């Protein structure tokens, strides 16, 4: 999402809410975004009870707190207890929210590295960076279903980096995800392949089939795991030599232009775009493709003048 309300770490006066809005430079006004389905976070602090509760707020204003996950811990400098709660997405409760945000932070870190340009260069190196950003190990020699990640981002379909809570990681496809085998048990592989340092939950490169449906995606992430995606990889038309990474709302996160013999075949890259064509997940790829076409046209005009 383009707007987040992050909590301050310091305790504030009783019943006081502190919210800070961060907006991407390319985003529209905060008012417009607040009316959308973007995700917002806040922390409310009550000094008299020294309690801190983190809630998840959806675009329509619903607030959810998972009281079953509440834990109390004693402070060494105070006899009072601090109570914290896990952040829950009421629309997609299978989302490992903190892990999702940590993944996007890694994507941002890589995208802003203008020296090494990790999303440009040999595809195998780029793909490993995508795995690392998504909280996945590079396990090309493991058995499929037991942690193997050699397929991740390597075909048209396994391009959704999904961060799910571990209590839903063993969920199976009950037939609602069209084109996906019944069962589709991914739990053991998720446990093996997920990097722990990004926070609670697991990661997986789930199938994007069904993501272009309205009003909601009907893919593995959103139906089987009841989870949002941290990012989706979409190849950019018409040449399909660049890709964009977009978030669950289809907003831009990063772009890359990999090279090398190990790239997914042109057919796979074309199929990947057709999978999202016409949906919110295609708009950033369409925009970049249009800009690239304009640049080529301008360059050709200069050559003709010379």
C-alpha atoms as a PDB file:
ATOM      1  CA  UNK A   1       0.000   0.000   0.000  1.00  0.00           C
ATOM      2  CA  UNK A   2       1.061   3.563  -0.578  1.00  0.00           C
ATOM      3  CA  UNK A   3       0.113   4.972   2.824  1.00  0.00           C
ATOM      4  CA  UNK A   4       0.953   3.624   6.246  1.00  0.00           C
ATOM      5  CA  UNK A   5       0.232   4.973   9.690  1.00  0.00           C
ATOM      6  CA  UNK A   6       3.143   3.859  11.840  1.00  0.00           C
ATOM      7  CA  UNK A   7       3.176   3.929  15.616  1.00  0.00           C
ATOM      8  CA  UNK A   8       5.723   5.889  17.610  1.00  0.00           C
ATOM      9  CA  UNK A   9       7.770   3.907  20.109  1.00  0.00           C
ATOM     10  CA  UNK A  10       7.493   6.424  22.934  1.00  0.00           C
ATOM     11  CA  UNK A  11       4.561   6.443  25.316  1.00  0.00           C
ATOM     12  CA  UNK A  12       2.276   9.402  24.880  1.00  0.00           C
ATOM     13  CA  UNK A  13      -0.260  11.159  27.122  1.00  0.00           C
ATOM     14  CA  UNK A  14      -3.388   9.263  28.062  1.00  0.00           C
ATOM     15  CA  UNK A  15      -5.849   8.556  25.247  1.00  0.00           C
ATOM     16  CA  UNK A  16      -3.606  10.308  22.718  1.00  0.00           C
ATOM     17  CA  UNK A  17      -3.201   8.819  19.250  1.00  0.00           C
ATOM     18  CA  UNK A  18      -0.081   9.607  17.268  1.00  0.00           C
ATOM     19  CA  UNK A  19      -0.135   8.907  13.560  1.00  0.00           C
ATOM     20  CA  UNK A  20       2.423   9.647  10.890  1.00  0.00           C
ATOM     21  CA  UNK A  21       1.520   9.456   7.203  1.00  0.00           C
ATOM     22  CA  UNK A  22       4.115   8.370   4.673  1.00  0.00           C
ATOM     23  CA  UNK A  23       3.169   8.821   1.020  1.00  0.00           C
ATOM     24  CA  UNK A  24       5.138   7.663  -2.011  1.00  0.00           C
ATOM     25  CA  UNK A  25       6.122  10.606  -4.259  1.00  0.00           C
ATOM     26  CA  UNK A  26       4.137   9.116  -7.128  1.00  0.00           C
ATOM     27  CA  UNK A  27       1.040   8.540  -5.034  1.00  0.00           C
ATOM     28  CA  UNK A  28      -2.025  10.721  -5.216  1.00  0.00           C
ATOM     29  CA  UNK A  29      -3.286  12.733  -2.282  1.00  0.00           C
ATOM     30  CA  UNK A  30      -3.627  11.149   1.124  1.00  0.00           C
ATOM     31  CA  UNK A  31      -7.353  11.868   1.026  1.00  0.00           C
ATOM     32  CA  UNK A  32      -7.790   9.747  -2.078  1.00  0.00           C
ATOM     33  CA  UNK A  33      -5.714   6.943  -0.614  1.00  0.00           C
ATOM     34  CA  UNK A  34      -7.589   6.982   2.663  1.00  0.00           C
ATOM     35  CA  UNK A  35     -10.755   6.306   0.712  1.00  0.00           C
ATOM     36  CA  UNK A  36      -9.174   3.363  -1.090  1.00  0.00           C
ATOM     37  CA  UNK A  37      -8.442  -0.141   0.117  1.00  0.00           C
ATOM     38  CA  UNK A  38      -4.970   0.777   1.331  1.00  0.00           C
ATOM     39  CA  UNK A  39      -3.757  -0.550   4.660  1.00  0.00           C
ATOM     40  CA  UNK A  40      -3.201   1.581   7.719  1.00  0.00           C
ATOM     41  CA  UNK A  41      -1.601   0.960  11.069  1.00  0.00           C
ATOM     42  CA  UNK A  42      -1.730   2.808  14.337  1.00  0.00           C
ATOM     43  CA  UNK A  43      -0.773   2.307  17.954  1.00  0.00           C
ATOM     44  CA  UNK A  44      -2.839   3.608  20.801  1.00  0.00           C
ATOM     45  CA  UNK A  45      -1.061   4.143  24.090  1.00  0.00           C
ATOM     46  CA  UNK A  46      -2.612   4.671  27.502  1.00  0.00           C
ATOM     47  CA  UNK A  47      -0.015   5.885  29.969  1.00  0.00           C
ATOM     48  CA  UNK A  48      -2.096   5.180  33.048  1.00  0.00           C
ATOM     49  CA  UNK A  49      -2.210   1.450  32.243  1.00  0.00           C
ATOM     50  CA  UNK A  50       1.057   1.368  30.313  1.00  0.00           C
ATOM     51  CA  UNK A  51      -0.537  -0.798  27.657  1.00  0.00           C
ATOM     52  CA  UNK A  52       0.169  -0.829  23.962  1.00  0.00           C
ATOM     53  CA  UNK A  53      -2.162  -2.374  21.400  1.00  0.00           C
ATOM     54  CA  UNK A  54      -1.490  -2.582  17.694  1.00  0.00           C
ATOM     55  CA  UNK A  55      -4.541  -2.917  15.460  1.00  0.00           C
ATOM     56  CA  UNK A  56      -5.019  -3.446  11.758  1.00  0.00           C
ATOM     57  CA  UNK A  57      -7.341  -1.009  10.034  1.00  0.00           C
ATOM     58  CA  UNK A  58      -8.715  -1.696   6.572  1.00  0.00           C
ATOM     59  CA  UNK A  59      -9.738   0.919   4.052  1.00  0.00           C
ATOM     60  CA  UNK A  60     -13.371   0.796   5.179  1.00  0.00           C
ATOM     61  CA  UNK A  61     -12.449   1.511   8.796  1.00  0.00           C
ATOM     62  CA  UNK A  62     -12.768  -1.990  10.263  1.00  0.00           C
ATOM     63  CA  UNK A  63     -10.427  -2.602  13.190  1.00  0.00           C
ATOM     64  CA  UNK A  64      -9.383  -6.053  14.352  1.00  0.00           C
ATOM     65  CA  UNK A  65      -7.310  -7.094  17.349  1.00  0.00           C
ATOM     66  CA  UNK A  66      -6.351 -10.727  17.870  1.00  0.00           C
ATOM     67  CA  UNK A  67      -6.822 -11.038  21.622  1.00  0.00           C
ATOM     68  CA  UNK A  68      -5.840 -14.709  21.531  1.00  0.00           C
ATOM     69  CA  UNK A  69      -2.297 -13.643  20.641  1.00  0.00           C
ATOM     70  CA  UNK A  70      -1.935 -11.119  23.471  1.00  0.00           C
ATOM     71  CA  UNK A  71       1.128 -11.614  25.646  1.00  0.00           C
ATOM     72  CA  UNK A  72       2.137  -9.760  28.798  1.00  0.00           C
ATOM     73  CA  UNK A  73       5.769  -9.055  29.637  1.00  0.00           C
ATOM     74  CA  UNK A  74       7.237  -7.441  32.754  1.00  0.00           C
ATOM     75  CA  UNK A  75       9.382  -4.346  32.395  1.00  0.00           C
ATOM     76  CA  UNK A  76      12.682  -4.357  34.289  1.00  0.00           C
ATOM     77  CA  UNK A  77      12.253  -0.674  35.130  1.00  0.00           C
ATOM     78  CA  UNK A  78       8.608  -0.812  36.140  1.00  0.00           C
ATOM     79  CA  UNK A  79       6.269  -3.076  38.044  1.00  0.00           C
ATOM     80  CA  UNK A  80       3.548  -2.435  35.478  1.00  0.00           C
ATOM     81  CA  UNK A  81       2.950  -4.834  32.606  1.00  0.00           C
ATOM     82  CA  UNK A  82       2.923  -4.014  28.918  1.00  0.00           C
ATOM     83  CA  UNK A  83       0.440  -5.903  26.748  1.00  0.00           C
ATOM     84  CA  UNK A  84       1.011  -6.230  23.012  1.00  0.00           C
ATOM     85  CA  UNK A  85      -1.134  -7.766  20.296  1.00  0.00           C
ATOM     86  CA  UNK A  86      -0.492  -9.263  16.893  1.00  0.00           C
ATOM     87  CA  UNK A  87      -1.581  -7.236  13.888  1.00  0.00           C
ATOM     88  CA  UNK A  88      -4.459  -8.863  11.998  1.00  0.00           C
ATOM     89  CA  UNK A  89      -5.892  -8.102   8.570  1.00  0.00           C
ATOM     90  CA  UNK A  90      -9.683  -8.491   8.938  1.00  0.00           C
ATOM     91  CA  UNK A  91     -10.206  -9.017   5.200  1.00  0.00           C
ATOM     92  CA  UNK A  92      -7.331 -11.481   4.760  1.00  0.00           C
ATOM     93  CA  UNK A  93      -6.596 -12.837   8.253  1.00  0.00           C
ATOM     94  CA  UNK A  94      -4.017 -15.306   6.952  1.00  0.00           C
ATOM     95  CA  UNK A  95      -1.607 -12.464   6.152  1.00  0.00           C
ATOM     96  CA  UNK A  96       1.610 -12.310   8.175  1.00  0.00           C
ATOM     97  CA  UNK A  97       1.418  -8.515   8.224  1.00  0.00           C
ATOM     98  CA  UNK A  98       4.761  -7.691   9.859  1.00  0.00           C
ATOM     99  CA  UNK A  99       6.529 -10.116   7.534  1.00  0.00           C
ATOM    100  CA  UNK A 100       4.785  -8.612   4.496  1.00  0.00           C
ATOM    101  CA  UNK A 101       6.016  -5.140   5.437  1.00  0.00           C
ATOM    102  CA  UNK A 102       9.533  -6.467   6.068  1.00  0.00           C
ATOM    103  CA  UNK A 103       9.559  -8.008   2.579  1.00  0.00           C
ATOM    104  CA  UNK A 104       8.555  -4.710   1.002  1.00  0.00           C
ATOM    105  CA  UNK A 105      11.254  -2.944   3.011  1.00  0.00           C
ATOM    106  CA  UNK A 106      13.834  -5.316   1.528  1.00  0.00           C
ATOM    107  CA  UNK A 107      12.483  -4.668  -1.970  1.00  0.00           C
ATOM    108  CA  UNK A 108      12.799  -0.936  -1.352  1.00  0.00           C
ATOM    109  CA  UNK A 109      16.357  -1.382  -0.070  1.00  0.00           C
ATOM    110  CA  UNK A 110      17.370  -3.255  -3.218  1.00  0.00           C
ATOM    111  CA  UNK A 111      15.564  -0.862  -5.551  1.00  0.00           C
ATOM    112  CA  UNK A 112      17.369   2.117  -4.030  1.00  0.00           C
ATOM    113  CA  UNK A 113      20.829   0.555  -4.432  1.00  0.00           C
ATOM    114  CA  UNK A 114      21.936   2.589  -7.449  1.00  0.00           C
ATOM    115  CA  UNK A 115      25.524   1.339  -7.191  1.00  0.00           C
ATOM    116  CA  UNK A 116      25.021  -2.428  -7.416  1.00  0.00           C
ATOM    117  CA  UNK A 117      21.630  -2.288  -9.190  1.00  0.00           C
ATOM    118  CA  UNK A 118      20.567  -5.721  -7.883  1.00  0.00           C
ATOM    119  CA  UNK A 119      17.454  -5.906 -10.082  1.00  0.00           C
ATOM    120  CA  UNK A 120      19.553  -5.443 -13.224  1.00  0.00           C
ATOM    121  CA  UNK A 121      22.110  -7.879 -14.593  1.00  0.00           C
ATOM    122  CA  UNK A 122      22.220 -11.653 -14.830  1.00  0.00           C
ATOM    123  CA  UNK A 123      18.809 -13.192 -14.174  1.00  0.00           C
ATOM    124  CA  UNK A 124      20.087 -15.869 -11.806  1.00  0.00           C
ATOM    125  CA  UNK A 125      21.547 -13.180  -9.545  1.00  0.00           C
ATOM    126  CA  UNK A 126      18.369 -11.103  -9.806  1.00  0.00           C
ATOM    127  CA  UNK A 127      16.201 -14.123  -9.005  1.00  0.00           C
ATOM    128  CA  UNK A 128      18.257 -14.871  -5.889  1.00  0.00           C
ATOM    129  CA  UNK A 129      17.748 -11.271  -4.768  1.00  0.00           C
ATOM    130  CA  UNK A 130      13.997 -11.646  -5.288  1.00  0.00           C
ATOM    131  CA  UNK A 131      14.037 -14.776  -3.131  1.00  0.00           C
ATOM    132  CA  UNK A 132      16.056 -13.035  -0.410  1.00  0.00           C
ATOM    133  CA  UNK A 133      13.779  -9.991  -0.461  1.00  0.00           C
ATOM    134  CA  UNK A 134      10.770 -12.281  -0.160  1.00  0.00           C
ATOM    135  CA  UNK A 135      12.164 -14.159   2.813  1.00  0.00           C
ATOM    136  CA  UNK A 136      12.903 -17.364   0.887  1.00  0.00           C
ATOM    137  CA  UNK A 137      16.017 -19.501   0.723  1.00  0.00           C
ATOM    138  CA  UNK A 138      17.535 -20.376  -2.645  1.00  0.00           C
ATOM    139  CA  UNK A 139      17.023 -24.151  -2.613  1.00  0.00           C
ATOM    140  CA  UNK A 140      17.334 -25.390  -6.219  1.00  0.00           C
ATOM    141  CA  UNK A 141      18.351 -28.922  -5.203  1.00  0.00           C
ATOM    142  CA  UNK A 142      15.539 -29.706  -2.765  1.00  0.00           C
ATOM    143  CA  UNK A 143      12.593 -31.887  -3.727  1.00  0.00           C
ATOM    144  CA  UNK A 144       9.424 -30.131  -4.966  1.00  0.00           C
ATOM    145  CA  UNK A 145       7.053 -29.719  -2.045  1.00  0.00           C
ATOM    146  CA  UNK A 146       9.882 -30.067   0.463  1.00  0.00           C
ATOM    147  CA  UNK A 147      11.416 -26.610   0.147  1.00  0.00           C
ATOM    148  CA  UNK A 148      12.390 -26.478  -3.538  1.00  0.00           C
ATOM    149  CA  UNK A 149      12.425 -22.863  -4.784  1.00  0.00           C
ATOM    150  CA  UNK A 150      14.022 -23.357  -8.198  1.00  0.00           C
ATOM    151  CA  UNK A 151      10.646 -22.679  -9.813  1.00  0.00           C
ATOM    152  CA  UNK A 152      10.101 -19.337  -8.075  1.00  0.00           C
ATOM    153  CA  UNK A 153       9.749 -16.474 -10.595  1.00  0.00           C
ATOM    154  CA  UNK A 154      11.003 -18.862 -13.285  1.00  0.00           C
ATOM    155  CA  UNK A 155       7.699 -19.372 -15.096  1.00  0.00           C
ATOM    156  CA  UNK A 156       4.569 -17.349 -15.876  1.00  0.00           C
ATOM    157  CA  UNK A 157       2.673 -18.417 -12.781  1.00  0.00           C
ATOM    158  CA  UNK A 158       4.813 -18.707  -9.617  1.00  0.00           C
ATOM    159  CA  UNK A 159       5.280 -14.949  -9.256  1.00  0.00           C
ATOM    160  CA  UNK A 160       3.250 -14.024  -6.155  1.00  0.00           C
ATOM    161  CA  UNK A 161       5.437 -13.578  -3.087  1.00  0.00           C
ATOM    162  CA  UNK A 162       2.974 -14.448  -0.341  1.00  0.00           C
ATOM    163  CA  UNK A 163       3.607 -14.003   3.378  1.00  0.00           C
ATOM    164  CA  UNK A 164       1.204 -16.108   5.393  1.00  0.00           C
ATOM    165  CA  UNK A 165       0.754 -16.897   9.062  1.00  0.00           C
ATOM    166  CA  UNK A 166       2.109 -20.315   9.962  1.00  0.00           C
ATOM    167  CA  UNK A 167      -1.277 -21.446  11.268  1.00  0.00           C
ATOM    168  CA  UNK A 168      -2.613 -21.279   7.688  1.00  0.00           C
ATOM    169  CA  UNK A 169       0.525 -22.505   5.884  1.00  0.00           C
ATOM    170  CA  UNK A 170      -0.884 -26.043   5.731  1.00  0.00           C
ATOM    171  CA  UNK A 171      -4.186 -24.907   4.182  1.00  0.00           C
ATOM    172  CA  UNK A 172      -5.147 -26.807   1.040  1.00  0.00           C
ATOM    173  CA  UNK A 173      -6.984 -25.865  -2.133  1.00  0.00           C
ATOM    174  CA  UNK A 174     -10.574 -27.016  -1.702  1.00  0.00           C
ATOM    175  CA  UNK A 175     -11.366 -26.462  -5.357  1.00  0.00           C
ATOM    176  CA  UNK A 176     -12.050 -22.739  -5.240  1.00  0.00           C
ATOM    177  CA  UNK A 177      -8.778 -21.843  -7.014  1.00  0.00           C
ATOM    178  CA  UNK A 178      -9.394 -22.734 -10.649  1.00  0.00           C
ATOM    179  CA  UNK A 179      -6.578 -24.511 -12.466  1.00  0.00           C
ATOM    180  CA  UNK A 180      -4.805 -25.561  -9.261  1.00  0.00           C
ATOM    181  CA  UNK A 181      -4.713 -29.177  -8.109  1.00  0.00           C
ATOM    182  CA  UNK A 182      -6.978 -30.165  -5.246  1.00  0.00           C
ATOM    183  CA  UNK A 183      -5.004 -30.205  -2.033  1.00  0.00           C
ATOM    184  CA  UNK A 184      -1.919 -28.306  -3.211  1.00  0.00           C
ATOM    185  CA  UNK A 185      -0.243 -28.898   0.155  1.00  0.00           C
ATOM    186  CA  UNK A 186       2.628 -26.416   0.497  1.00  0.00           C
ATOM    187  CA  UNK A 187       3.076 -26.314   4.273  1.00  0.00           C
ATOM    188  CA  UNK A 188       6.225 -28.469   4.647  1.00  0.00           C
ATOM    189  CA  UNK A 189       8.040 -26.571   1.905  1.00  0.00           C
ATOM    190  CA  UNK A 190       7.081 -23.208   3.393  1.00  0.00           C
ATOM    191  CA  UNK A 191       8.574 -24.174   6.753  1.00  0.00           C
ATOM    192  CA  UNK A 192      11.847 -25.346   5.210  1.00  0.00           C
ATOM    193  CA  UNK A 193      12.346 -22.476   2.764  1.00  0.00           C
ATOM    194  CA  UNK A 194      11.238 -19.460   4.839  1.00  0.00           C
ATOM    195  CA  UNK A 195      13.931 -17.203   6.296  1.00  0.00           C
ATOM    196  CA  UNK A 196      13.150 -16.529   9.976  1.00  0.00           C
ATOM    197  CA  UNK A 197      14.662 -13.048  10.264  1.00  0.00           C
ATOM    198  CA  UNK A 198      11.746 -11.331   8.520  1.00  0.00           C
ATOM    199  CA  UNK A 199       9.372 -12.078  11.364  1.00  0.00           C
ATOM    200  CA  UNK A 200       6.578 -14.513  12.229  1.00  0.00           C
ATOM    201  CA  UNK A 201       4.952 -16.519   9.467  1.00  0.00           C
ATOM    202  CA  UNK A 202       6.274 -17.980   6.258  1.00  0.00           C
ATOM    203  CA  UNK A 203       6.897 -17.041   2.638  1.00  0.00           C
ATOM    204  CA  UNK A 204       6.166 -18.766  -0.646  1.00  0.00           C
ATOM    205  CA  UNK A 205       6.018 -17.971  -4.363  1.00  0.00           C
ATOM    206  CA  UNK A 206       2.397 -18.909  -4.952  1.00  0.00           C
ATOM    207  CA  UNK A 207       0.516 -19.287  -8.234  1.00  0.00           C
ATOM    208  CA  UNK A 208      -0.950 -16.088  -9.662  1.00  0.00           C
ATOM    209  CA  UNK A 209      -3.686 -17.788 -11.710  1.00  0.00           C
ATOM    210  CA  UNK A 210      -7.000 -16.118 -10.882  1.00  0.00           C
ATOM    211  CA  UNK A 211      -5.469 -12.828  -9.726  1.00  0.00           C
ATOM    212  CA  UNK A 212      -7.209 -10.825 -12.476  1.00  0.00           C
ATOM    213  CA  UNK A 213     -10.761 -11.464 -11.242  1.00  0.00           C
ATOM    214  CA  UNK A 214     -12.995  -8.747  -9.832  1.00  0.00           C
ATOM    215  CA  UNK A 215     -13.918  -7.567  -7.296  1.00  0.00           C
ATOM    216  CA  UNK A 216     -11.288  -9.699  -5.529  1.00  0.00           C
ATOM    217  CA  UNK A 217      -8.468 -11.967  -6.698  1.00  0.00           C
ATOM    218  CA  UNK A 218      -9.251 -15.685  -6.763  1.00  0.00           C
ATOM    219  CA  UNK A 219      -5.710 -17.010  -6.584  1.00  0.00           C
ATOM    220  CA  UNK A 220      -3.805 -19.248  -4.177  1.00  0.00           C
ATOM    221  CA  UNK A 221      -2.701 -16.406  -1.897  1.00  0.00           C
ATOM    222  CA  UNK A 222      -6.119 -14.845  -1.402  1.00  0.00           C
ATOM    223  CA  UNK A 223      -8.251 -18.014  -1.336  1.00  0.00           C
ATOM    224  CA  UNK A 224      -6.117 -20.925  -0.122  1.00  0.00           C
ATOM    225  CA  UNK A 225      -4.129 -18.904   2.421  1.00  0.00           C
ATOM    226  CA  UNK A 226      -6.523 -15.972   2.946  1.00  0.00           C
ATOM    227  CA  UNK A 227      -3.475 -13.740   2.581  1.00  0.00           C
ATOM    228  CA  UNK A 228      -2.448 -10.631   0.724  1.00  0.00           C
ATOM    229  CA  UNK A 229       0.676 -10.763  -1.412  1.00  0.00           C
ATOM    230  CA  UNK A 230       3.821  -8.864  -0.470  1.00  0.00           C
ATOM    231  CA  UNK A 231       4.630  -8.398  -4.149  1.00  0.00           C
ATOM    232  CA  UNK A 232       3.906  -9.740  -7.626  1.00  0.00           C
ATOM    233  CA  UNK A 233       6.356  -9.896 -10.540  1.00  0.00           C
ATOM    234  CA  UNK A 234       4.907  -8.771 -13.887  1.00  0.00           C
ATOM    235  CA  UNK A 235       6.846  -8.747 -17.168  1.00  0.00           C
ATOM    236  CA  UNK A 236       6.468  -5.523 -19.164  1.00  0.00           C
ATOM    237  CA  UNK A 237       5.040  -5.492 -22.715  1.00  0.00           C
ATOM    238  CA  UNK A 238       5.715  -5.308 -25.575  1.00  0.00           C
ATOM    239  CA  UNK A 239       9.328  -6.555 -25.375  1.00  0.00           C
ATOM    240  CA  UNK A 240       9.109  -8.380 -22.017  1.00  0.00           C
ATOM    241  CA  UNK A 241      12.730  -7.602 -21.190  1.00  0.00           C
ATOM    242  CA  UNK A 242      11.839  -5.645 -18.032  1.00  0.00           C
ATOM    243  CA  UNK A 243       9.688  -6.500 -15.039  1.00  0.00           C
ATOM    244  CA  UNK A 244       7.883  -4.553 -12.351  1.00  0.00           C
ATOM    245  CA  UNK A 245       7.131  -5.555  -8.783  1.00  0.00           C
ATOM    246  CA  UNK A 246       3.747  -4.398  -7.503  1.00  0.00           C
ATOM    247  CA  UNK A 247       2.036  -4.778  -4.140  1.00  0.00           C
ATOM    248  CA  UNK A 248      -1.345  -6.275  -3.288  1.00  0.00           C
ATOM    249  CA  UNK A 249      -3.126  -3.134  -4.487  1.00  0.00           C
ATOM    250  CA  UNK A 250      -1.167  -3.099  -7.751  1.00  0.00           C
ATOM    251  CA  UNK A 251       1.002  -0.158  -6.686  1.00  0.00           C
ATOM    252  CA  UNK A 252       4.591   0.144  -7.915  1.00  0.00           C
ATOM    253  CA  UNK A 253       7.415  -1.166  -5.723  1.00  0.00           C
ATOM    254  CA  UNK A 254      10.389  -1.683  -8.052  1.00  0.00           C
ATOM    255  CA  UNK A 255      11.485  -2.469 -11.604  1.00  0.00           C
ATOM    256  CA  UNK A 256      14.280  -4.498 -13.138  1.00  0.00           C
ATOM    257  CA  UNK A 257      15.869  -5.351 -16.479  1.00  0.00           C
ATOM    258  CA  UNK A 258      17.636  -8.708 -16.142  1.00  0.00           C
ATOM    259  CA  UNK A 259      19.684 -10.431 -18.817  1.00  0.00           C
ATOM    260  CA  UNK A 260      21.235 -13.834 -19.417  1.00  0.00           C
ATOM    261  CA  UNK A 261      20.502 -17.257 -20.851  1.00  0.00           C
ATOM    262  CA  UNK A 262      18.561 -18.411 -17.773  1.00  0.00           C
ATOM    263  CA  UNK A 263      15.712 -15.917 -18.214  1.00  0.00           C
ATOM    264  CA  UNK A 264      12.240 -17.450 -18.361  1.00  0.00           C
ATOM    265  CA  UNK A 265      11.377 -18.101 -22.000  1.00  0.00           C
ATOM    266  CA  UNK A 266       9.722 -15.309 -23.971  1.00  0.00           C
ATOM    267  CA  UNK A 267       6.551 -17.402 -24.083  1.00  0.00           C
ATOM    268  CA  UNK A 268       6.477 -17.650 -20.276  1.00  0.00           C
ATOM    269  CA  UNK A 269       7.020 -13.906 -19.903  1.00  0.00           C
ATOM    270  CA  UNK A 270       4.234 -13.167 -22.371  1.00  0.00           C
ATOM    271  CA  UNK A 271       1.880 -15.562 -20.574  1.00  0.00           C
ATOM    272  CA  UNK A 272       2.758 -13.871 -17.292  1.00  0.00           C
ATOM    273  CA  UNK A 273       1.545 -10.517 -18.596  1.00  0.00           C
ATOM    274  CA  UNK A 274      -1.610 -12.023 -20.110  1.00  0.00           C
ATOM    275  CA  UNK A 275      -2.371 -13.465 -16.675  1.00  0.00           C
ATOM    276  CA  UNK A 276      -2.791  -9.954 -15.243  1.00  0.00           C
ATOM    277  CA  UNK A 277      -3.811  -8.036 -18.380  1.00  0.00           C
ATOM    278  CA  UNK A 278      -6.702  -5.667 -17.738  1.00  0.00           C
ATOM    279  CA  UNK A 279      -6.425  -5.940 -13.954  1.00  0.00           C
ATOM    280  CA  UNK A 280      -4.977  -3.627 -11.312  1.00  0.00           C
ATOM    281  CA  UNK A 281      -1.805  -5.700 -11.383  1.00  0.00           C
ATOM    282  CA  UNK A 282      -1.082  -4.752 -15.010  1.00  0.00           C
ATOM    283  CA  UNK A 283      -1.316  -0.966 -14.777  1.00  0.00           C
ATOM    284  CA  UNK A 284       2.309  -0.337 -13.735  1.00  0.00           C
ATOM    285  CA  UNK A 285       3.628  -2.706 -16.420  1.00  0.00           C
ATOM    286  CA  UNK A 286       1.425  -0.962 -18.997  1.00  0.00           C
ATOM    287  CA  UNK A 287       2.692   2.433 -17.878  1.00  0.00           C
ATOM    288  CA  UNK A 288       6.351   1.426 -18.033  1.00  0.00           C
ATOM    289  CA  UNK A 289       5.853  -0.223 -21.421  1.00  0.00           C
ATOM    290  CA  UNK A 290       4.230   2.951 -22.744  1.00  0.00           C
ATOM    291  CA  UNK A 291       7.068   5.130 -21.448  1.00  0.00           C
ATOM    292  CA  UNK A 292       9.675   2.842 -22.985  1.00  0.00           C
ATOM    293  CA  UNK A 293       7.872   2.952 -26.339  1.00  0.00           C
ATOM    294  CA  UNK A 294       7.843   6.754 -26.201  1.00  0.00           C
ATOM    295  CA  UNK A 295      11.580   6.830 -25.506  1.00  0.00           C
ATOM    296  CA  UNK A 296      12.304   4.497 -28.422  1.00  0.00           C
ATOM    297  CA  UNK A 297      10.149   6.639 -30.697  1.00  0.00           C
ATOM    298  CA  UNK A 298      11.958   9.801 -29.581  1.00  0.00           C
ATOM    299  CA  UNK A 299      15.369   8.162 -30.068  1.00  0.00           C
ATOM    300  CA  UNK A 300      14.374   6.987 -33.553  1.00  0.00           C
ATOM    301  CA  UNK A 301      13.247  10.512 -34.448  1.00  0.00           C
ATOM    302  CA  UNK A 302      16.634  11.899 -33.376  1.00  0.00           C
ATOM    303  CA  UNK A 303      18.439   9.300 -35.503  1.00  0.00           C
ATOM    304  CA  UNK A 304      16.301  10.229 -38.516  1.00  0.00           C
ATOM    305  CA  UNK A 305      17.132  13.914 -38.066  1.00  0.00           C
ATOM    306  CA  UNK A 306      20.833  13.112 -38.015  1.00  0.00           C
END
